Amino acid sequence: MKINVGDKVSYEDTYATGIKMVPAGVGEVVELKPDVYGKSNKQIAVIKQRGHEPFEMFTNGLEVVDR
């Protein structure tokens, strides 16, 4: 499913080297941008969650909650 700016999305826990970096939750996509570091055509979403700093996550790890 295509992710758009303004979508409310859910995501699972994100780990890096065994450390939980982002706990699972629900947030809103505020920006979409290309993966400038990788050689794929993946998109990166900037997600704003109430009470937290915005963070980035690949869109293939997101699921739209309400449309």
Protein backbone atom coordinates (compact mmCIF):
# COMPACT_ATOMS: atom_id res chain seq x y z
CA MET A 1 0.00 0.00 0.00
CA LYS A 2 1.30 3.45 -0.86
CA ILE A 3 2.11 5.77 2.02
CA ASN A 4 1.22 9.46 1.61
CA VAL A 5 1.97 12.59 3.62
CA GLY A 6 -0.72 13.04 6.27
CA ASP A 7 -1.44 9.30 6.66
CA LYS A 8 -1.77 7.90 10.17
CA VAL A 9 0.53 4.88 10.30
CA SER A 10 1.49 2.15 12.74
CA TYR A 11 4.95 0.62 13.04
CA GLU A 12 6.63 -2.18 14.97
CA ASP A 13 9.61 -1.98 17.33
CA THR A 14 12.85 -1.07 15.54
CA TYR A 15 16.11 -2.56 16.77
CA ALA A 16 19.75 -1.79 15.92
CA THR A 17 22.47 -4.13 17.21
CA GLY A 18 20.02 -5.60 19.70
CA ILE A 19 18.98 -2.25 21.20
CA LYS A 20 15.40 -1.00 20.82
CA MET A 21 15.71 2.32 18.99
CA VAL A 22 12.02 3.05 18.31
CA PRO A 23 9.20 1.41 20.30
CA ALA A 24 6.08 0.32 18.41
CA GLY A 25 3.37 2.93 18.06
CA VAL A 26 1.21 5.12 15.86
CA GLY A 27 2.18 8.42 14.25
CA GLU A 28 1.56 10.73 11.31
CA VAL A 29 3.69 10.97 8.17
CA VAL A 30 4.86 14.59 7.82
CA GLU A 31 7.34 14.16 4.94
CA LEU A 32 8.45 11.60 2.35
CA LYS A 33 11.94 11.59 0.87
CA PRO A 34 14.12 9.25 -1.22
CA ASP A 35 16.80 6.98 0.26
CA VAL A 36 19.87 9.07 -0.65
CA TYR A 37 22.33 6.66 0.99
CA GLY A 38 21.10 3.40 -0.50
CA LYS A 39 21.05 2.19 -4.07
CA SER A 40 17.39 1.23 -3.98
CA ASN A 41 14.28 3.16 -4.82
CA LYS A 42 12.90 2.89 -1.27
CA GLN A 43 11.26 5.90 0.32
CA ILE A 44 11.84 7.21 3.81
CA ALA A 45 8.98 8.65 5.85
CA VAL A 46 9.45 11.28 8.54
CA ILE A 47 7.01 10.37 11.30
CA LYS A 48 5.74 12.67 14.04
CA GLN A 49 4.39 10.98 17.13
CA ARG A 50 2.63 13.01 19.83
CA GLY A 51 5.09 13.97 22.58
CA HIS A 52 8.20 12.74 20.72
CA GLU A 53 10.77 14.08 18.27
CA PRO A 54 10.13 13.25 14.59
CA PHE A 55 12.04 10.22 13.33
CA GLU A 56 12.70 8.54 9.97
CA MET A 57 11.70 5.04 8.90
CA PHE A 58 11.49 3.16 5.59
CA THR A 59 7.93 3.12 4.28
CA ASN A 60 7.95 -0.67 3.81
CA GLY A 61 7.92 -0.95 7.65
CA LEU A 62 4.72 1.10 7.97
CA GLU A 63 1.05 0.21 7.80
CA VAL A 64 -1.73 2.76 7.24
CA VAL A 65 -4.20 2.79 10.15
CA ASP A 66 -6.98 5.14 8.91
CA ARG A 67 -7.53 6.57 5.45
